[in-house]
Amino acid sequence: MLVKNPKFEISAVKPSQYPKSDLPEVVLVGKSNVGKSSFINTMINRKKLARTSSEPGKTRQINFYNIDNLFYFVDLPGYGYSKMSKKEQEQVGKFIEYYLQNRKQISLVIFLVDIRHIPTENDKLMYNYIVRAGLPCIILANKADKIAITKVENEVRNIQNILNPMKDFCTLPFSSERKIYVDDVWKNLQNYL
């Protein structure tokens, strides 16, 4: 898909701040520093629309990116980052949960995990939450450039076997460095828009 005019629209922590729009929303979830912002930038072929940070846990709000007035990429704060105070973690958890439970425009959840590591307990909790909420999902094994290309398929299979043994969600490799995976992700994503 050729994206021509993507733009950052708003950061929100409560429903009154969400975009007043019926456009479908593609929601990105995953632990802090798994590469959600880099994913957005790679998919839309821009370097800095979504701000990336070398310091995990920077995103503390829900960020809405309008993609050519066709849909939104919605970047949720990452989980599992310990430098956030317990109170902050609680507040962030509440507004994420409210968004996921109540936002009618959610068309797809893209769940990013790190291909180099077996899914954590937090990853399993998030996966179970997505399933219980009945949200459509694609699992992306991100940072595929960090391992040998010959090992990618095997690691994707391992992640699927741990998180989604029923194989009812598509699991794909992804990398912001190796752009070879972008077309596959667009193909799958467009089925939900």
C-alpha atoms as a PDB file:
ATOM      1  CA  MET A   1       0.000   0.000   0.000  1.00  0.00           C
ATOM      2  CA  LEU A   2       1.331   3.421  -0.912  1.00  0.00           C
ATOM      3  CA  VAL A   3       0.767   5.848   1.947  1.00  0.00           C
ATOM      4  CA  LYS A   4       0.754   9.487   0.810  1.00  0.00           C
ATOM      5  CA  ASN A   5      -0.276  11.704   3.693  1.00  0.00           C
ATOM      6  CA  PRO A   6       0.025  10.105   7.128  1.00  0.00           C
ATOM      7  CA  LYS A   7      -0.146  12.369  10.145  1.00  0.00           C
ATOM      8  CA  PHE A   8       0.052  12.217  13.894  1.00  0.00           C
ATOM      9  CA  GLU A   9      -3.370  13.325  15.096  1.00  0.00           C
ATOM     10  CA  ILE A  10      -3.592  13.227  18.910  1.00  0.00           C
ATOM     11  CA  SER A  11      -2.367  11.661  22.148  1.00  0.00           C
ATOM     12  CA  ALA A  12      -5.181  10.610  24.456  1.00  0.00           C
ATOM     13  CA  VAL A  13      -5.746   9.207  27.912  1.00  0.00           C
ATOM     14  CA  LYS A  14      -9.556   9.413  28.002  1.00  0.00           C
ATOM     15  CA  PRO A  15     -12.419   8.867  25.546  1.00  0.00           C
ATOM     16  CA  SER A  16     -13.219  12.569  25.154  1.00  0.00           C
ATOM     17  CA  GLN A  17      -9.754  12.967  23.578  1.00  0.00           C
ATOM     18  CA  TYR A  18     -10.113  10.131  21.036  1.00  0.00           C
ATOM     19  CA  PRO A  19     -10.572  11.185  17.391  1.00  0.00           C
ATOM     20  CA  LYS A  20     -14.213  11.838  16.531  1.00  0.00           C
ATOM     21  CA  SER A  21     -14.169   9.470  13.601  1.00  0.00           C
ATOM     22  CA  ASP A  22     -15.598   6.166  12.421  1.00  0.00           C
ATOM     23  CA  LEU A  23     -12.377   5.174  10.624  1.00  0.00           C
ATOM     24  CA  PRO A  24     -11.125   1.676  11.458  1.00  0.00           C
ATOM     25  CA  GLU A  25      -8.334   1.489  14.033  1.00  0.00           C
ATOM     26  CA  VAL A  26      -5.367  -0.880  13.885  1.00  0.00           C
ATOM     27  CA  VAL A  27      -4.041  -1.114  17.436  1.00  0.00           C
ATOM     28  CA  LEU A  28      -0.417  -1.883  18.286  1.00  0.00           C
ATOM     29  CA  VAL A  29       0.321  -3.697  21.529  1.00  0.00           C
ATOM     30  CA  GLY A  30       3.499  -5.162  22.966  1.00  0.00           C
ATOM     31  CA  LYS A  31       6.037  -4.679  25.683  1.00  0.00           C
ATOM     32  CA  SER A  32       8.050  -1.490  25.964  1.00  0.00           C
ATOM     33  CA  ASN A  33      10.856  -1.263  23.411  1.00  0.00           C
ATOM     34  CA  VAL A  34       9.482  -4.004  21.144  1.00  0.00           C
ATOM     35  CA  GLY A  35       9.424  -1.564  18.208  1.00  0.00           C
ATOM     36  CA  LYS A  36       5.836  -0.326  17.795  1.00  0.00           C
ATOM     37  CA  SER A  37       6.876   3.182  16.655  1.00  0.00           C
ATOM     38  CA  SER A  38       9.477   1.756  14.257  1.00  0.00           C
ATOM     39  CA  PHE A  39       6.784  -0.560  12.889  1.00  0.00           C
ATOM     40  CA  ILE A  40       4.546   2.430  12.069  1.00  0.00           C
ATOM     41  CA  ASN A  41       7.392   4.349  10.421  1.00  0.00           C
ATOM     42  CA  THR A  42       8.406   1.307   8.342  1.00  0.00           C
ATOM     43  CA  MET A  43       4.860   0.526   7.206  1.00  0.00           C
ATOM     44  CA  ILE A  44       4.227   4.083   6.010  1.00  0.00           C
ATOM     45  CA  ASN A  45       7.782   4.550   4.676  1.00  0.00           C
ATOM     46  CA  ARG A  46       8.577   7.554   6.869  1.00  0.00           C
ATOM     47  CA  LYS A  47      11.546   8.035   9.157  1.00  0.00           C
ATOM     48  CA  LYS A  48      10.099   9.979  12.066  1.00  0.00           C
ATOM     49  CA  LEU A  49       6.314  10.239  12.055  1.00  0.00           C
ATOM     50  CA  ALA A  50       6.072   8.000  15.116  1.00  0.00           C
ATOM     51  CA  ARG A  51       8.654   9.063  17.655  1.00  0.00           C
ATOM     52  CA  THR A  52      11.025   6.285  18.629  1.00  0.00           C
ATOM     53  CA  SER A  53      13.065   6.351  21.803  1.00  0.00           C
ATOM     54  CA  SER A  54      16.131   4.498  22.992  1.00  0.00           C
ATOM     55  CA  GLU A  55      14.579   4.672  26.455  1.00  0.00           C
ATOM     56  CA  PRO A  56      11.748   2.146  26.890  1.00  0.00           C
ATOM     57  CA  GLY A  57       8.511   3.195  28.540  1.00  0.00           C
ATOM     58  CA  LYS A  58       8.371   6.683  27.001  1.00  0.00           C
ATOM     59  CA  THR A  59       4.871   6.276  25.549  1.00  0.00           C
ATOM     60  CA  ARG A  60       2.441   7.022  28.377  1.00  0.00           C
ATOM     61  CA  GLN A  61      -0.566   7.929  26.221  1.00  0.00           C
ATOM     62  CA  ILE A  62      -2.546   6.413  23.358  1.00  0.00           C
ATOM     63  CA  ASN A  63      -1.146   7.892  20.131  1.00  0.00           C
ATOM     64  CA  PHE A  64      -3.422   8.086  17.066  1.00  0.00           C
ATOM     65  CA  TYR A  65      -1.831   8.262  13.587  1.00  0.00           C
ATOM     66  CA  ASN A  66      -4.205   9.066  10.724  1.00  0.00           C
ATOM     67  CA  ILE A  67      -3.195   7.087   7.641  1.00  0.00           C
ATOM     68  CA  ASP A  68      -4.497   8.915   4.552  1.00  0.00           C
ATOM     69  CA  ASN A  69      -7.961   9.248   6.143  1.00  0.00           C
ATOM     70  CA  LEU A  70      -8.399   5.508   5.533  1.00  0.00           C
ATOM     71  CA  PHE A  71      -7.630   4.194   9.024  1.00  0.00           C
ATOM     72  CA  TYR A  72      -5.633   4.893  12.184  1.00  0.00           C
ATOM     73  CA  PHE A  73      -2.589   3.198  13.575  1.00  0.00           C
ATOM     74  CA  VAL A  74      -3.101   3.414  17.337  1.00  0.00           C
ATOM     75  CA  ASP A  75       0.048   3.006  19.435  1.00  0.00           C
ATOM     76  CA  LEU A  76      -0.689   1.882  22.995  1.00  0.00           C
ATOM     77  CA  PRO A  77       1.854   2.313  25.809  1.00  0.00           C
ATOM     78  CA  GLY A  78       4.090  -0.731  26.180  1.00  0.00           C
ATOM     79  CA  TYR A  79       3.833  -3.001  29.177  1.00  0.00           C
ATOM     80  CA  GLY A  80       6.433  -4.560  31.457  1.00  0.00           C
ATOM     81  CA  TYR A  81       8.513  -1.437  31.995  1.00  0.00           C
ATOM     82  CA  SER A  82       9.602  -1.310  35.620  1.00  0.00           C
ATOM     83  CA  LYS A  83      10.719   2.342  35.904  1.00  0.00           C
ATOM     84  CA  MET A  84       7.107   3.479  35.848  1.00  0.00           C
ATOM     85  CA  SER A  85       5.748   3.829  39.389  1.00  0.00           C
ATOM     86  CA  LYS A  86       3.061   1.391  40.533  1.00  0.00           C
ATOM     87  CA  LYS A  87       0.534   4.237  40.477  1.00  0.00           C
ATOM     88  CA  GLU A  88       1.502   5.220  36.904  1.00  0.00           C
ATOM     89  CA  GLN A  89       1.335   1.567  35.793  1.00  0.00           C
ATOM     90  CA  GLU A  90      -2.152   1.323  37.288  1.00  0.00           C
ATOM     91  CA  GLN A  91      -3.371   4.518  35.578  1.00  0.00           C
ATOM     92  CA  VAL A  92      -1.915   3.495  32.204  1.00  0.00           C
ATOM     93  CA  GLY A  93      -3.361  -0.011  32.588  1.00  0.00           C
ATOM     94  CA  LYS A  94      -6.828   1.416  33.278  1.00  0.00           C
ATOM     95  CA  PHE A  95      -6.976   3.678  30.235  1.00  0.00           C
ATOM     96  CA  ILE A  96      -5.562   0.965  27.958  1.00  0.00           C
ATOM     97  CA  GLU A  97      -8.154  -1.498  29.214  1.00  0.00           C
ATOM     98  CA  TYR A  98     -10.954   1.044  28.823  1.00  0.00           C
ATOM     99  CA  TYR A  99      -9.880   1.741  25.231  1.00  0.00           C
ATOM    100  CA  LEU A 100      -9.621  -1.957  24.292  1.00  0.00           C
ATOM    101  CA  GLN A 101     -12.975  -2.827  25.890  1.00  0.00           C
ATOM    102  CA  ASN A 102     -15.018   0.105  24.629  1.00  0.00           C
ATOM    103  CA  ARG A 103     -13.645   1.447  21.352  1.00  0.00           C
ATOM    104  CA  LYS A 104     -15.967   0.239  18.591  1.00  0.00           C
ATOM    105  CA  GLN A 105     -13.595   1.297  15.792  1.00  0.00           C
ATOM    106  CA  ILE A 106     -10.960  -1.357  16.600  1.00  0.00           C
ATOM    107  CA  SER A 107     -10.607  -3.494  13.467  1.00  0.00           C
ATOM    108  CA  LEU A 108      -7.405  -5.329  14.292  1.00  0.00           C
ATOM    109  CA  VAL A 109      -4.810  -5.728  17.038  1.00  0.00           C
ATOM    110  CA  ILE A 110      -1.217  -6.106  15.909  1.00  0.00           C
ATOM    111  CA  PHE A 111       0.620  -7.814  18.747  1.00  0.00           C
ATOM    112  CA  LEU A 112       4.385  -7.338  18.518  1.00  0.00           C
ATOM    113  CA  VAL A 113       6.795  -9.686  20.268  1.00  0.00           C
ATOM    114  CA  ASP A 114      10.595  -9.903  20.029  1.00  0.00           C
ATOM    115  CA  ILE A 115      11.624 -12.780  17.754  1.00  0.00           C
ATOM    116  CA  ARG A 116      14.839 -13.280  19.791  1.00  0.00           C
ATOM    117  CA  HIS A 117      13.067 -14.190  23.034  1.00  0.00           C
ATOM    118  CA  ILE A 118      10.410 -16.667  24.038  1.00  0.00           C
ATOM    119  CA  PRO A 119       7.186 -14.845  24.932  1.00  0.00           C
ATOM    120  CA  THR A 120       7.179 -13.535  28.509  1.00  0.00           C
ATOM    121  CA  GLU A 121       4.446 -13.992  31.120  1.00  0.00           C
ATOM    122  CA  ASN A 122       3.294 -10.429  30.273  1.00  0.00           C
ATOM    123  CA  ASP A 123       3.106 -11.402  26.573  1.00  0.00           C
ATOM    124  CA  LYS A 124       0.960 -14.414  27.484  1.00  0.00           C
ATOM    125  CA  LEU A 125      -1.307 -12.242  29.643  1.00  0.00           C
ATOM    126  CA  MET A 126      -1.744  -9.770  26.762  1.00  0.00           C
ATOM    127  CA  TYR A 127      -2.429 -12.588  24.307  1.00  0.00           C
ATOM    128  CA  ASN A 128      -5.063 -14.072  26.641  1.00  0.00           C
ATOM    129  CA  TYR A 129      -6.631 -10.643  27.096  1.00  0.00           C
ATOM    130  CA  ILE A 130      -6.919 -10.192  23.297  1.00  0.00           C
ATOM    131  CA  VAL A 131      -8.524 -13.634  22.949  1.00  0.00           C
ATOM    132  CA  ARG A 132     -10.992 -13.045  25.818  1.00  0.00           C
ATOM    133  CA  ALA A 133     -11.918  -9.645  24.382  1.00  0.00           C
ATOM    134  CA  GLY A 134     -12.696 -11.321  21.047  1.00  0.00           C
ATOM    135  CA  LEU A 135     -10.448  -8.917  19.126  1.00  0.00           C
ATOM    136  CA  PRO A 136      -9.032  -9.948  15.723  1.00  0.00           C
ATOM    137  CA  CYS A 137      -5.250 -10.177  15.904  1.00  0.00           C
ATOM    138  CA  ILE A 138      -2.048 -10.633  13.932  1.00  0.00           C
ATOM    139  CA  ILE A 139       1.092 -11.586  15.869  1.00  0.00           C
ATOM    140  CA  LEU A 140       4.319 -10.048  14.572  1.00  0.00           C
ATOM    141  CA  ALA A 141       7.676 -11.549  15.494  1.00  0.00           C
ATOM    142  CA  ASN A 142       9.597  -8.274  15.326  1.00  0.00           C
ATOM    143  CA  LYS A 143      13.342  -7.554  15.036  1.00  0.00           C
ATOM    144  CA  ALA A 144      13.825 -10.396  12.527  1.00  0.00           C
ATOM    145  CA  ASP A 145      16.964  -8.606  11.302  1.00  0.00           C
ATOM    146  CA  LYS A 146      18.636  -9.460  14.635  1.00  0.00           C
ATOM    147  CA  ILE A 147      18.815 -13.183  13.814  1.00  0.00           C
ATOM    148  CA  ALA A 148      20.061 -15.133  10.798  1.00  0.00           C
ATOM    149  CA  ILE A 149      17.527 -15.120   7.980  1.00  0.00           C
ATOM    150  CA  THR A 150      17.708 -18.944   7.924  1.00  0.00           C
ATOM    151  CA  LYS A 151      16.382 -19.046  11.517  1.00  0.00           C
ATOM    152  CA  VAL A 152      13.450 -16.655  11.082  1.00  0.00           C
ATOM    153  CA  GLU A 153      10.839 -19.210  10.006  1.00  0.00           C
ATOM    154  CA  ASN A 154      11.712 -21.550  12.872  1.00  0.00           C
ATOM    155  CA  GLU A 155      11.543 -18.763  15.494  1.00  0.00           C
ATOM    156  CA  VAL A 156       8.179 -17.570  14.136  1.00  0.00           C
ATOM    157  CA  ARG A 157       6.892 -21.150  14.453  1.00  0.00           C
ATOM    158  CA  ASN A 158       8.200 -21.383  18.051  1.00  0.00           C
ATOM    159  CA  ILE A 159       6.440 -18.127  18.999  1.00  0.00           C
ATOM    160  CA  GLN A 160       3.206 -19.328  17.410  1.00  0.00           C
ATOM    161  CA  ASN A 161       3.413 -22.673  19.227  1.00  0.00           C
ATOM    162  CA  ILE A 162       3.844 -20.896  22.576  1.00  0.00           C
ATOM    163  CA  LEU A 163       1.334 -18.061  22.150  1.00  0.00           C
ATOM    164  CA  ASN A 164      -1.162 -19.377  19.634  1.00  0.00           C
ATOM    165  CA  PRO A 165      -0.959 -23.181  19.298  1.00  0.00           C
ATOM    166  CA  MET A 166      -4.481 -23.254  17.776  1.00  0.00           C
ATOM    167  CA  LYS A 167      -3.042 -21.160  14.918  1.00  0.00           C
ATOM    168  CA  ASP A 168      -6.228 -19.111  14.628  1.00  0.00           C
ATOM    169  CA  PHE A 169      -4.155 -15.911  14.464  1.00  0.00           C
ATOM    170  CA  CYS A 170      -1.668 -15.264  11.691  1.00  0.00           C
ATOM    171  CA  THR A 171       1.955 -15.028  12.936  1.00  0.00           C
ATOM    172  CA  LEU A 172       4.427 -13.209  10.685  1.00  0.00           C
ATOM    173  CA  PRO A 173       8.039 -12.047  10.896  1.00  0.00           C
ATOM    174  CA  PHE A 174       8.787  -8.325  10.778  1.00  0.00           C
ATOM    175  CA  SER A 175      11.802  -6.048  10.738  1.00  0.00           C
ATOM    176  CA  SER A 176      12.230  -2.311  10.374  1.00  0.00           C
ATOM    177  CA  GLU A 177      15.661  -2.965   8.858  1.00  0.00           C
ATOM    178  CA  ARG A 178      14.757  -5.741   6.413  1.00  0.00           C
ATOM    179  CA  LYS A 179      11.830  -4.321   4.470  1.00  0.00           C
ATOM    180  CA  ILE A 180      11.103  -7.705   2.839  1.00  0.00           C
ATOM    181  CA  TYR A 181       8.283  -8.427   5.302  1.00  0.00           C
ATOM    182  CA  VAL A 182       6.289  -5.227   4.786  1.00  0.00           C
ATOM    183  CA  ASP A 183       4.173  -6.408   1.828  1.00  0.00           C
ATOM    184  CA  ASP A 184       3.027  -9.546   3.663  1.00  0.00           C
ATOM    185  CA  VAL A 185       1.936  -7.479   6.654  1.00  0.00           C
ATOM    186  CA  TRP A 186       0.038  -5.005   4.436  1.00  0.00           C
ATOM    187  CA  LYS A 187      -1.708  -7.893   2.649  1.00  0.00           C
ATOM    188  CA  ASN A 188      -2.908  -9.356   5.940  1.00  0.00           C
ATOM    189  CA  LEU A 189      -3.755  -5.999   7.483  1.00  0.00           C
ATOM    190  CA  GLN A 190      -5.906  -4.899   4.534  1.00  0.00           C
ATOM    191  CA  ASN A 191      -8.200  -7.904   5.110  1.00  0.00           C
ATOM    192  CA  TYR A 192      -9.399  -6.155   8.279  1.00  0.00           C
ATOM    193  CA  LEU A 193      -9.918  -2.632   6.937  1.00  0.00           C
END
